[in-house]
């Protein structure tokens, strides 16, 4: 009987970890897609790829995860650039990739 309870606890923890990872990936995808749209570049492969997972201490003092994702984008349709974003608890804390273009100033 204790083995079954331990298996159920382990299964619930594994499901919670997987579910949080999926939610973070969906959030990262939305952030990357919006950044590409704002910069006027093409979002490639329609997905993000998890490339890092770190254990961090949250502002509240509890432990949490920092997840790093990468995505690809193209400026002219023939090149390929890599963007990177970092999420902590669903919040964007670091981003490198396309930036919104400034309108050219007239002189």
PDB file of N, CA and C in Angstrom:
ATOM      1  N   UNK A   1       0.802  -1.198   0.000  1.00  0.00           N
ATOM      2  CA  UNK A   1       0.000   0.000   0.000  1.00  0.00           C
ATOM      3  C   UNK A   1       0.853   1.274   0.000  1.00  0.00           C
ATOM      4  N   UNK A   2       1.917   1.378   0.843  1.00  0.00           N
ATOM      5  CA  UNK A   2       2.734   2.594   0.806  1.00  0.00           C
ATOM      6  C   UNK A   2       3.387   2.797  -0.563  1.00  0.00           C
ATOM      7  N   UNK A   3       3.709   1.726  -1.254  1.00  0.00           N
ATOM      8  CA  UNK A   3       4.319   1.849  -2.580  1.00  0.00           C
ATOM      9  C   UNK A   3       3.358   2.524  -3.544  1.00  0.00           C
ATOM     10  N   UNK A   4       2.095   2.151  -3.483  1.00  0.00           N
ATOM     11  CA  UNK A   4       1.094   2.747  -4.361  1.00  0.00           C
ATOM     12  C   UNK A   4       0.949   4.242  -4.068  1.00  0.00           C
ATOM     13  N   UNK A   5       0.953   4.620  -2.818  1.00  0.00           N
ATOM     14  CA  UNK A   5       0.836   6.033  -2.451  1.00  0.00           C
ATOM     15  C   UNK A   5       2.052   6.813  -2.949  1.00  0.00           C
ATOM     16  N   UNK A   6       3.224   6.242  -2.782  1.00  0.00           N
ATOM     17  CA  UNK A   6       4.433   6.905  -3.275  1.00  0.00           C
ATOM     18  C   UNK A   6       4.410   7.054  -4.795  1.00  0.00           C
ATOM     19  N   UNK A   7       3.942   6.030  -5.497  1.00  0.00           N
ATOM     20  CA  UNK A   7       3.826   6.112  -6.955  1.00  0.00           C
ATOM     21  C   UNK A   7       2.836   7.191  -7.371  1.00  0.00           C
ATOM     22  N   UNK A   8       1.742   7.311  -6.639  1.00  0.00           N
ATOM     23  CA  UNK A   8       0.748   8.342  -6.957  1.00  0.00           C
ATOM     24  C   UNK A   8       1.324   9.742  -6.719  1.00  0.00           C
ATOM     25  N   UNK A   9       2.075   9.919  -5.641  1.00  0.00           N
ATOM     26  CA  UNK A   9       2.699  11.214  -5.361  1.00  0.00           C
ATOM     27  C   UNK A   9       3.731  11.552  -6.424  1.00  0.00           C
ATOM     28  N   UNK A  10       4.559  10.564  -6.781  1.00  0.00           N
ATOM     29  CA  UNK A  10       5.555  10.782  -7.832  1.00  0.00           C
ATOM     30  C   UNK A  10       4.879  11.103  -9.165  1.00  0.00           C
ATOM     31  N   UNK A  11       3.813  10.388  -9.497  1.00  0.00           N
ATOM     32  CA  UNK A  11       3.082  10.643 -10.744  1.00  0.00           C
ATOM     33  C   UNK A  11       2.477  12.038 -10.770  1.00  0.00           C
ATOM     34  N   UNK A  12       1.911  12.477  -9.648  1.00  0.00           N
ATOM     35  CA  UNK A  12       1.330  13.819  -9.585  1.00  0.00           C
ATOM     36  C   UNK A  12       2.413  14.892  -9.737  1.00  0.00           C
ATOM     37  N   UNK A  13       3.571  14.678  -9.108  1.00  0.00           N
ATOM     38  CA  UNK A  13       4.669  15.641  -9.230  1.00  0.00           C
ATOM     39  C   UNK A  13       5.194  15.691 -10.665  1.00  0.00           C
ATOM     40  N   UNK A  14       5.322  14.535 -11.297  1.00  0.00           N
ATOM     41  CA  UNK A  14       5.791  14.490 -12.686  1.00  0.00           C
ATOM     42  C   UNK A  14       4.801  15.191 -13.620  1.00  0.00           C
ATOM     43  N   UNK A  15       3.517  14.975 -13.394  1.00  0.00           N
ATOM     44  CA  UNK A  15       2.504  15.633 -14.223  1.00  0.00           C
ATOM     45  C   UNK A  15       2.542  17.145 -14.028  1.00  0.00           C
ATOM     46  N   UNK A  16       2.696  17.611 -12.780  1.00  0.00           N
ATOM     47  CA  UNK A  16       2.758  19.041 -12.507  1.00  0.00           C
ATOM     48  C   UNK A  16       3.977  19.667 -13.185  1.00  0.00           C
ATOM     49  N   UNK A  17       5.122  18.987 -13.149  1.00  0.00           N
ATOM     50  CA  UNK A  17       6.337  19.483 -13.801  1.00  0.00           C
ATOM     51  C   UNK A  17       6.134  19.578 -15.314  1.00  0.00           C
ATOM     52  N   UNK A  18       5.560  18.535 -15.902  1.00  0.00           N
ATOM     53  CA  UNK A  18       5.310  18.517 -17.348  1.00  0.00           C
ATOM     54  C   UNK A  18       4.327  19.624 -17.734  1.00  0.00           C
ATOM     55  N   UNK A  19       3.269  19.779 -16.956  1.00  0.00           N
ATOM     56  CA  UNK A  19       2.252  20.781 -17.252  1.00  0.00           C
ATOM     57  C   UNK A  19       2.829  22.195 -17.162  1.00  0.00           C
ATOM     58  N   UNK A  20       3.655  22.458 -16.161  1.00  0.00           N
ATOM     59  CA  UNK A  20       4.288  23.774 -16.033  1.00  0.00           C
ATOM     60  C   UNK A  20       5.234  24.031 -17.202  1.00  0.00           C
ATOM     61  N   UNK A  21       5.925  23.002 -17.660  1.00  0.00           N
ATOM     62  CA  UNK A  21       6.813  23.140 -18.812  1.00  0.00           C
ATOM     63  C   UNK A  21       6.056  23.461 -20.083  1.00  0.00           C
ATOM     64  N   UNK A  22       4.917  22.820 -20.279  1.00  0.00           N
ATOM     65  CA  UNK A  22       4.088  23.099 -21.463  1.00  0.00           C
ATOM     66  C   UNK A  22       3.545  24.521 -21.421  1.00  0.00           C
ATOM     67  N   UNK A  23       3.096  24.947 -20.237  1.00  0.00           N
ATOM     68  CA  UNK A  23       2.576  26.314 -20.096  1.00  0.00           C
ATOM     69  C   UNK A  23       3.665  27.333 -20.393  1.00  0.00           C
ATOM     70  N   UNK A  24       4.879  27.091 -19.922  1.00  0.00           N
ATOM     71  CA  UNK A  24       5.991  27.998 -20.187  1.00  0.00           C
ATOM     72  C   UNK A  24       6.325  28.020 -21.676  1.00  0.00           C
ATOM     73  N   UNK A  25       6.284  26.868 -22.338  1.00  0.00           N
ATOM     74  CA  UNK A  25       6.572  26.818 -23.771  1.00  0.00           C
ATOM     75  C   UNK A  25       5.513  27.583 -24.570  1.00  0.00           C
ATOM     76  N   UNK A  26       4.260  27.479 -24.175  1.00  0.00           N
ATOM     77  CA  UNK A  26       3.200  28.212 -24.861  1.00  0.00           C
ATOM     78  C   UNK A  26       3.368  29.715 -24.660  1.00  0.00           C
ATOM     79  N   UNK A  27       3.751  30.119 -23.469  1.00  0.00           N
ATOM     80  CA  UNK A  27       3.999  31.539 -23.188  1.00  0.00           C
ATOM     81  C   UNK A  27       5.197  32.036 -24.000  1.00  0.00           C
ATOM     82  N   UNK A  28       6.263  31.240 -24.056  1.00  0.00           N
ATOM     83  CA  UNK A  28       7.454  31.616 -24.826  1.00  0.00           C
ATOM     84  C   UNK A  28       7.111  31.736 -26.307  1.00  0.00           C
ATOM     85  N   UNK A  29       6.289  30.845 -26.804  1.00  0.00           N
ATOM     86  CA  UNK A  29       5.891  30.907 -28.209  1.00  0.00           C
ATOM     87  C   UNK A  29       5.125  32.196 -28.501  1.00  0.00           C
ATOM     88  N   UNK A  30       4.221  32.575 -27.615  1.00  0.00           N
ATOM     89  CA  UNK A  30       3.453  33.808 -27.808  1.00  0.00           C
ATOM     90  C   UNK A  30       4.363  35.030 -27.776  1.00  0.00           C
ATOM     91  N   UNK A  31       5.308  35.062 -26.841  1.00  0.00           N
ATOM     92  CA  UNK A  31       6.238  36.196 -26.733  1.00  0.00           C
ATOM     93  C   UNK A  31       7.111  36.290 -27.985  1.00  0.00           C
ATOM     94  N   UNK A  32       7.660  35.174 -28.442  1.00  0.00           N
ATOM     95  CA  UNK A  32       8.508  35.170 -29.635  1.00  0.00           C
ATOM     96  C   UNK A  32       7.750  35.574 -30.879  1.00  0.00           C
ATOM     97  N   UNK A  33       6.554  35.052 -31.039  1.00  0.00           N
ATOM     98  CA  UNK A  33       5.738  35.385 -32.209  1.00  0.00           C
ATOM     99  C   UNK A  33       5.378  36.869 -32.210  1.00  0.00           C
ATOM    100  N   UNK A  34       5.003  37.402 -31.045  1.00  0.00           N
ATOM    101  CA  UNK A  34       4.655  38.820 -30.953  1.00  0.00           C
ATOM    102  C   UNK A  34       5.860  39.714 -31.231  1.00  0.00           C
ATOM    103  N   UNK A  35       7.040  39.309 -30.753  1.00  0.00           N
ATOM    104  CA  UNK A  35       8.254  40.086 -31.010  1.00  0.00           C
ATOM    105  C   UNK A  35       8.574  40.107 -32.501  1.00  0.00           C
ATOM    106  N   UNK A  36       8.414  38.978 -33.165  1.00  0.00           N
ATOM    107  CA  UNK A  36       8.678  38.913 -34.614  1.00  0.00           C
ATOM    108  C   UNK A  36       7.676  39.769 -35.377  1.00  0.00           C
ATOM    109  N   UNK A  37       6.423  39.717 -34.986  1.00  0.00           N
ATOM    110  CA  UNK A  37       5.399  40.519 -35.654  1.00  0.00           C
ATOM    111  C   UNK A  37       5.697  42.008 -35.467  1.00  0.00           C
ATOM    112  N   UNK A  38       6.072  42.413 -34.250  1.00  0.00           N
ATOM    113  CA  UNK A  38       6.358  43.819 -33.980  1.00  0.00           C
ATOM    114  C   UNK A  38       7.587  44.303 -34.741  1.00  0.00           C
ATOM    115  N   UNK A  39       8.562  43.417 -34.942  1.00  0.00           N
ATOM    116  CA  UNK A  39       9.792  43.796 -35.652  1.00  0.00           C
ATOM    117  C   UNK A  39       9.647  43.670 -37.159  1.00  0.00           C
ATOM    118  N   UNK A  40       8.562  43.080 -37.629  1.00  0.00           N
ATOM    119  CA  UNK A  40       8.359  42.934 -39.066  1.00  0.00           C
ATOM    120  C   UNK A  40       9.231  41.868 -39.692  1.00  0.00           C
ATOM    121  N   UNK A  41       9.564  40.827 -38.919  1.00  0.00           N
ATOM    122  CA  UNK A  41      10.366  39.724 -39.448  1.00  0.00           C
ATOM    123  C   UNK A  41       9.520  38.457 -39.468  1.00  0.00           C
ATOM    124  N   UNK A  42      10.026  37.449 -40.143  1.00  0.00           N
ATOM    125  CA  UNK A  42       9.292  36.193 -40.302  1.00  0.00           C
ATOM    126  C   UNK A  42       9.650  35.209 -39.182  1.00  0.00           C
ATOM    127  N   UNK A  43       8.633  34.699 -38.511  1.00  0.00           N
ATOM    128  CA  UNK A  43       8.783  33.688 -37.450  1.00  0.00           C
ATOM    129  C   UNK A  43       8.954  32.347 -38.149  1.00  0.00           C
ATOM    130  N   UNK A  44      10.045  31.642 -37.891  1.00  0.00           N
ATOM    131  CA  UNK A  44      10.320  30.386 -38.575  1.00  0.00           C
ATOM    132  C   UNK A  44       9.947  29.184 -37.709  1.00  0.00           C
ATOM    133  N   UNK A  45       9.558  28.114 -38.322  1.00  0.00           N
ATOM    134  CA  UNK A  45       9.270  26.814 -37.705  1.00  0.00           C
ATOM    135  C   UNK A  45       8.063  26.815 -36.778  1.00  0.00           C
ATOM    136  N   UNK A  46       7.457  27.962 -36.530  1.00  0.00           N
ATOM    137  CA  UNK A  46       6.250  28.070 -35.710  1.00  0.00           C
ATOM    138  C   UNK A  46       6.388  27.425 -34.337  1.00  0.00           C
ATOM    139  N   UNK A  47       7.581  27.447 -33.765  1.00  0.00           N
ATOM    140  CA  UNK A  47       7.756  26.826 -32.453  1.00  0.00           C
ATOM    141  C   UNK A  47       8.968  27.403 -31.734  1.00  0.00           C
ATOM    142  N   UNK A  48       9.037  27.114 -30.442  1.00  0.00           N
ATOM    143  CA  UNK A  48      10.207  27.428 -29.632  1.00  0.00           C
ATOM    144  C   UNK A  48      10.798  26.101 -29.164  1.00  0.00           C
ATOM    145  N   UNK A  49      12.062  26.141 -28.791  1.00  0.00           N
ATOM    146  CA  UNK A  49      12.744  24.935 -28.332  1.00  0.00           C
ATOM    147  C   UNK A  49      13.338  25.207 -26.960  1.00  0.00           C
ATOM    148  N   UNK A  50      13.022  24.363 -26.005  1.00  0.00           N
ATOM    149  CA  UNK A  50      13.584  24.507 -24.665  1.00  0.00           C
ATOM    150  C   UNK A  50      15.061  24.126 -24.720  1.00  0.00           C
ATOM    151  N   UNK A  51      15.908  25.019 -24.239  1.00  0.00           N
ATOM    152  CA  UNK A  51      17.346  24.747 -24.267  1.00  0.00           C
ATOM    153  C   UNK A  51      17.980  24.813 -22.886  1.00  0.00           C
ATOM    154  N   UNK A  52      17.223  25.230 -21.886  1.00  0.00           N
ATOM    155  CA  UNK A  52      17.808  25.308 -20.559  1.00  0.00           C
ATOM    156  C   UNK A  52      16.763  25.300 -19.458  1.00  0.00           C
ATOM    157  N   UNK A  53      17.156  24.738 -18.333  1.00  0.00           N
ATOM    158  CA  UNK A  53      16.299  24.702 -17.151  1.00  0.00           C
ATOM    159  C   UNK A  53      17.205  24.853 -15.945  1.00  0.00           C
ATOM    160  N   UNK A  54      16.934  25.882 -15.138  1.00  0.00           N
ATOM    161  CA  UNK A  54      17.750  26.135 -13.949  1.00  0.00           C
ATOM    162  C   UNK A  54      16.862  26.252 -12.730  1.00  0.00           C
ATOM    163  N   UNK A  55      17.371  25.798 -11.618  1.00  0.00           N
ATOM    164  CA  UNK A  55      16.692  25.964 -10.349  1.00  0.00           C
ATOM    165  C   UNK A  55      17.111  27.323  -9.778  1.00  0.00           C
ATOM    166  N   UNK A  56      16.132  28.164  -9.438  1.00  0.00           N
ATOM    167  CA  UNK A  56      16.417  29.509  -8.932  1.00  0.00           C
ATOM    168  C   UNK A  56      15.640  29.752  -7.645  1.00  0.00           C
ATOM    169  N   UNK A  57      16.013  30.790  -6.944  1.00  0.00           N
ATOM    170  CA  UNK A  57      15.263  31.199  -5.765  1.00  0.00           C
ATOM    171  C   UNK A  57      14.407  32.393  -6.169  1.00  0.00           C
ATOM    172  N   UNK A  58      13.095  32.261  -5.965  1.00  0.00           N
ATOM    173  CA  UNK A  58      12.165  33.338  -6.300  1.00  0.00           C
ATOM    174  C   UNK A  58      12.303  34.481  -5.311  1.00  0.00           C
ATOM    175  N   UNK A  59      11.669  35.608  -5.635  1.00  0.00           N
ATOM    176  CA  UNK A  59      11.691  36.760  -4.743  1.00  0.00           C
ATOM    177  C   UNK A  59      11.052  36.441  -3.397  1.00  0.00           C
ATOM    178  N   UNK A  60      10.102  35.495  -3.411  1.00  0.00           N
ATOM    179  CA  UNK A  60       9.424  35.097  -2.173  1.00  0.00           C
ATOM    180  C   UNK A  60      10.295  34.195  -1.301  1.00  0.00           C
ATOM    181  N   UNK A  61      11.410  33.724  -1.835  1.00  0.00           N
ATOM    182  CA  UNK A  61      12.290  32.840  -1.093  1.00  0.00           C
ATOM    183  C   UNK A  61      12.118  31.371  -1.446  1.00  0.00           C
ATOM    184  N   UNK A  62      11.045  31.020  -2.120  1.00  0.00           N
ATOM    185  CA  UNK A  62      10.800  29.640  -2.528  1.00  0.00           C
ATOM    186  C   UNK A  62      11.633  29.306  -3.763  1.00  0.00           C
ATOM    187  N   UNK A  63      11.859  28.016  -3.982  1.00  0.00           N
ATOM    188  CA  UNK A  63      12.582  27.580  -5.176  1.00  0.00           C
ATOM    189  C   UNK A  63      11.633  27.543  -6.360  1.00  0.00           C
ATOM    190  N   UNK A  64      12.170  27.804  -7.527  1.00  0.00           N
ATOM    191  CA  UNK A  64      11.388  27.763  -8.759  1.00  0.00           C
ATOM    192  C   UNK A  64      12.308  27.439  -9.924  1.00  0.00           C
ATOM    193  N   UNK A  65      11.738  27.474 -11.119  1.00  0.00           N
ATOM    194  CA  UNK A  65      12.501  27.154 -12.320  1.00  0.00           C
ATOM    195  C   UNK A  65      12.623  28.359 -13.226  1.00  0.00           C
ATOM    196  N   UNK A  66      13.781  28.474 -13.859  1.00  0.00           N
ATOM    197  CA  UNK A  66      14.015  29.441 -14.922  1.00  0.00           C
ATOM    198  C   UNK A  66      14.194  28.625 -16.195  1.00  0.00           C
ATOM    199  N   UNK A  67      13.368  28.893 -17.179  1.00  0.00           N
ATOM    200  CA  UNK A  67      13.387  28.120 -18.423  1.00  0.00           C
ATOM    201  C   UNK A  67      13.868  29.007 -19.572  1.00  0.00           C
ATOM    202  N   UNK A  68      14.800  28.486 -20.362  1.00  0.00           N
ATOM    203  CA  UNK A  68      15.346  29.212 -21.507  1.00  0.00           C
ATOM    204  C   UNK A  68      14.860  28.540 -22.790  1.00  0.00           C
ATOM    205  N   UNK A  69      14.414  29.371 -23.726  1.00  0.00           N
ATOM    206  CA  UNK A  69      13.908  28.883 -25.005  1.00  0.00           C
ATOM    207  C   UNK A  69      14.625  29.598 -26.133  1.00  0.00           C
ATOM    208  N   UNK A  70      14.729  28.932 -27.263  1.00  0.00           N
ATOM    209  CA  UNK A  70      15.263  29.562 -28.475  1.00  0.00           C
ATOM    210  C   UNK A  70      14.236  29.440 -29.583  1.00  0.00           C
ATOM    211  N   UNK A  71      14.303  30.370 -30.508  1.00  0.00           N
ATOM    212  CA  UNK A  71      13.428  30.357 -31.676  1.00  0.00           C
ATOM    213  C   UNK A  71      14.202  30.932 -32.843  1.00  0.00           C
ATOM    214  N   UNK A  72      13.719  30.677 -34.044  1.00  0.00           N
ATOM    215  CA  UNK A  72      14.394  31.152 -35.247  1.00  0.00           C
ATOM    216  C   UNK A  72      13.508  32.159 -35.964  1.00  0.00           C
ATOM    217  N   UNK A  73      14.150  33.146 -36.576  1.00  0.00           N
ATOM    218  CA  UNK A  73      13.425  34.141 -37.355  1.00  0.00           C
ATOM    219  C   UNK A  73      14.275  34.545 -38.553  1.00  0.00           C
ATOM    220  N   UNK A  74      13.619  35.132 -39.540  1.00  0.00           N
ATOM    221  CA  UNK A  74      14.300  35.547 -40.764  1.00  0.00           C
ATOM    222  C   UNK A  74      13.932  36.985 -41.081  1.00  0.00           C
ATOM    223  N   UNK A  75      14.910  37.753 -41.496  1.00  0.00           N
ATOM    224  CA  UNK A  75      14.664  39.151 -41.834  1.00  0.00           C
ATOM    225  C   UNK A  75      14.157  39.277 -43.275  1.00  0.00           C
ATOM    226  N   UNK A  76      14.790  38.559 -44.206  1.00  0.00           N
ATOM    227  CA  UNK A  76      14.408  38.698 -45.611  1.00  0.00           C
ATOM    228  C   UNK A  76      13.894  37.396 -46.235  1.00  0.00           C
ATOM    229  N   UNK A  77      13.730  36.353 -45.461  1.00  0.00           N
ATOM    230  CA  UNK A  77      13.230  35.090 -45.992  1.00  0.00           C
ATOM    231  C   UNK A  77      14.317  34.155 -46.470  1.00  0.00           C
ATOM    232  N   UNK A  78      15.555  34.639 -46.570  1.00  0.00           N
ATOM    233  CA  UNK A  78      16.654  33.793 -47.021  1.00  0.00           C
ATOM    234  C   UNK A  78      17.687  33.535 -45.930  1.00  0.00           C
ATOM    235  N   UNK A  79      17.632  34.316 -44.869  1.00  0.00           N
ATOM    236  CA  UNK A  79      18.586  34.136 -43.779  1.00  0.00           C
ATOM    237  C   UNK A  79      17.886  33.500 -42.578  1.00  0.00           C
ATOM    238  N   UNK A  80      18.662  33.150 -41.594  1.00  0.00           N
ATOM    239  CA  UNK A  80      18.114  32.523 -40.390  1.00  0.00           C
ATOM    240  C   UNK A  80      18.886  33.052 -39.184  1.00  0.00           C
ATOM    241  N   UNK A  81      18.148  33.588 -38.230  1.00  0.00           N
ATOM    242  CA  UNK A  81      18.744  34.128 -37.005  1.00  0.00           C
ATOM    243  C   UNK A  81      18.122  33.418 -35.814  1.00  0.00           C
ATOM    244  N   UNK A  82      18.863  33.379 -34.723  1.00  0.00           N
ATOM    245  CA  UNK A  82      18.392  32.712 -33.511  1.00  0.00           C
ATOM    246  C   UNK A  82      18.033  33.765 -32.469  1.00  0.00           C
ATOM    247  N   UNK A  83      16.846  33.615 -31.912  1.00  0.00           N
ATOM    248  CA  UNK A  83      16.413  34.451 -30.796  1.00  0.00           C
ATOM    249  C   UNK A  83      16.379  33.601 -29.536  1.00  0.00           C
ATOM    250  N   UNK A  84      16.469  34.256 -28.398  1.00  0.00           N
ATOM    251  CA  UNK A  84      16.492  33.544 -27.123  1.00  0.00           C
ATOM    252  C   UNK A  84      15.665  34.320 -26.118  1.00  0.00           C
ATOM    253  N   UNK A  85      14.900  33.598 -25.306  1.00  0.00           N
ATOM    254  CA  UNK A  85      14.158  34.253 -24.239  1.00  0.00           C
ATOM    255  C   UNK A  85      14.173  33.397 -22.985  1.00  0.00           C
ATOM    256  N   UNK A  86      14.099  34.060 -21.858  1.00  0.00           N
ATOM    257  CA  UNK A  86      14.174  33.390 -20.558  1.00  0.00           C
ATOM    258  C   UNK A  86      12.925  33.745 -19.770  1.00  0.00           C
ATOM    259  N   UNK A  87      12.260  32.726 -19.242  1.00  0.00           N
ATOM    260  CA  UNK A  87      11.057  32.920 -18.440  1.00  0.00           C
ATOM    261  C   UNK A  87      11.280  32.427 -17.021  1.00  0.00           C
ATOM    262  N   UNK A  88      10.800  33.212 -16.068  1.00  0.00           N
ATOM    263  CA  UNK A  88      10.742  32.793 -14.659  1.00  0.00           C
ATOM    264  C   UNK A  88       9.301  32.914 -14.234  1.00  0.00           C
ATOM    265  N   UNK A  89       8.693  31.797 -13.884  1.00  0.00           N
ATOM    266  CA  UNK A  89       7.290  31.784 -13.463  1.00  0.00           C
ATOM    267  C   UNK A  89       6.373  32.439 -14.495  1.00  0.00           C
ATOM    268  N   UNK A  90       6.644  32.225 -15.768  1.00  0.00           N
ATOM    269  CA  UNK A  90       5.814  32.777 -16.825  1.00  0.00           C
ATOM    270  C   UNK A  90       6.107  34.222 -17.171  1.00  0.00           C
ATOM    271  N   UNK A  91       7.034  34.852 -16.475  1.00  0.00           N
ATOM    272  CA  UNK A  91       7.411  36.240 -16.746  1.00  0.00           C
ATOM    273  C   UNK A  91       8.681  36.275 -17.575  1.00  0.00           C
ATOM    274  N   UNK A  92       8.700  37.151 -18.545  1.00  0.00           N
ATOM    275  CA  UNK A  92       9.885  37.328 -19.386  1.00  0.00           C
ATOM    276  C   UNK A  92      10.929  38.116 -18.606  1.00  0.00           C
ATOM    277  N   UNK A  93      12.125  37.540 -18.443  1.00  0.00           N
ATOM    278  CA  UNK A  93      13.196  38.227 -17.714  1.00  0.00           C
ATOM    279  C   UNK A  93      14.386  38.546 -18.612  1.00  0.00           C
ATOM    280  N   UNK A  94      14.513  37.903 -19.769  1.00  0.00           N
ATOM    281  CA  UNK A  94      15.597  38.206 -20.702  1.00  0.00           C
ATOM    282  C   UNK A  94      15.124  37.873 -22.115  1.00  0.00           C
ATOM    283  N   UNK A  95      15.550  38.699 -23.075  1.00  0.00           N
ATOM    284  CA  UNK A  95      15.157  38.493 -24.472  1.00  0.00           C
ATOM    285  C   UNK A  95      16.281  38.966 -25.369  1.00  0.00           C
ATOM    286  N   UNK A  96      16.613  38.169 -26.358  1.00  0.00           N
ATOM    287  CA  UNK A  96      17.499  38.617 -27.426  1.00  0.00           C
ATOM    288  C   UNK A  96      16.899  38.105 -28.723  1.00  0.00           C
ATOM    289  N   UNK A  97      16.744  38.995 -29.656  1.00  0.00           N
ATOM    290  CA  UNK A  97      16.111  38.637 -30.917  1.00  0.00           C
ATOM    291  C   UNK A  97      15.721  39.888 -31.673  1.00  0.00           C
ATOM    292  N   UNK A  98      14.712  39.780 -32.511  1.00  0.00           N
ATOM    293  CA  UNK A  98      14.327  40.936 -33.326  1.00  0.00           C
ATOM    294  C   UNK A  98      13.727  42.030 -32.442  1.00  0.00           C
ATOM    295  N   UNK A  99      14.004  43.259 -32.805  1.00  0.00           N
ATOM    296  CA  UNK A  99      13.432  44.404 -32.090  1.00  0.00           C
ATOM    297  C   UNK A  99      12.601  45.217 -33.065  1.00  0.00           C
ATOM    298  N   UNK A 100      11.620  45.919 -32.547  1.00  0.00           N
ATOM    299  CA  UNK A 100      10.749  46.734 -33.401  1.00  0.00           C
ATOM    300  C   UNK A 100      11.588  47.780 -34.120  1.00  0.00           C
ATOM    301  N   UNK A 101      11.322  47.942 -35.376  1.00  0.00           N
ATOM    302  CA  UNK A 101      12.078  48.906 -36.171  1.00  0.00           C
ATOM    303  C   UNK A 101      11.584  50.319 -35.902  1.00  0.00           C
ATOM    304  N   UNK A 102      12.518  51.230 -35.787  1.00  0.00           N
ATOM    305  CA  UNK A 102      12.190  52.644 -35.611  1.00  0.00           C
ATOM    306  C   UNK A 102      11.919  53.236 -36.989  1.00  0.00           C
ATOM    307  N   UNK A 103      10.937  54.105 -37.107  1.00  0.00           N
ATOM    308  CA  UNK A 103      10.729  54.762 -38.401  1.00  0.00           C
ATOM    309  C   UNK A 103      11.927  55.658 -38.725  1.00  0.00           C
ATOM    310  N   UNK A 104      12.304  55.676 -39.970  1.00  0.00           N
ATOM    311  CA  UNK A 104      13.444  56.509 -40.391  1.00  0.00           C
ATOM    312  C   UNK A 104      13.102  57.973 -40.209  1.00  0.00           C
ATOM    313  N   UNK A 105      14.043  58.716 -39.658  1.00  0.00           N
ATOM    314  CA  UNK A 105      13.796  60.150 -39.442  1.00  0.00           C
ATOM    315  C   UNK A 105      14.067  60.910 -40.750  1.00  0.00           C
ATOM    316  N   UNK A 106      13.291  61.941 -40.952  1.00  0.00           N
ATOM    317  CA  UNK A 106      13.457  62.753 -42.151  1.00  0.00           C
ATOM    318  C   UNK A 106      14.298  63.977 -41.832  1.00  0.00           C
ATOM    319  N   UNK A 107      15.292  64.218 -42.629  1.00  0.00           N
ATOM    320  CA  UNK A 107      16.151  65.409 -42.430  1.00  0.00           C
ATOM    321  C   UNK A 107      16.065  66.330 -43.579  1.00  0.00           C
TER     322      UNK A 107
END
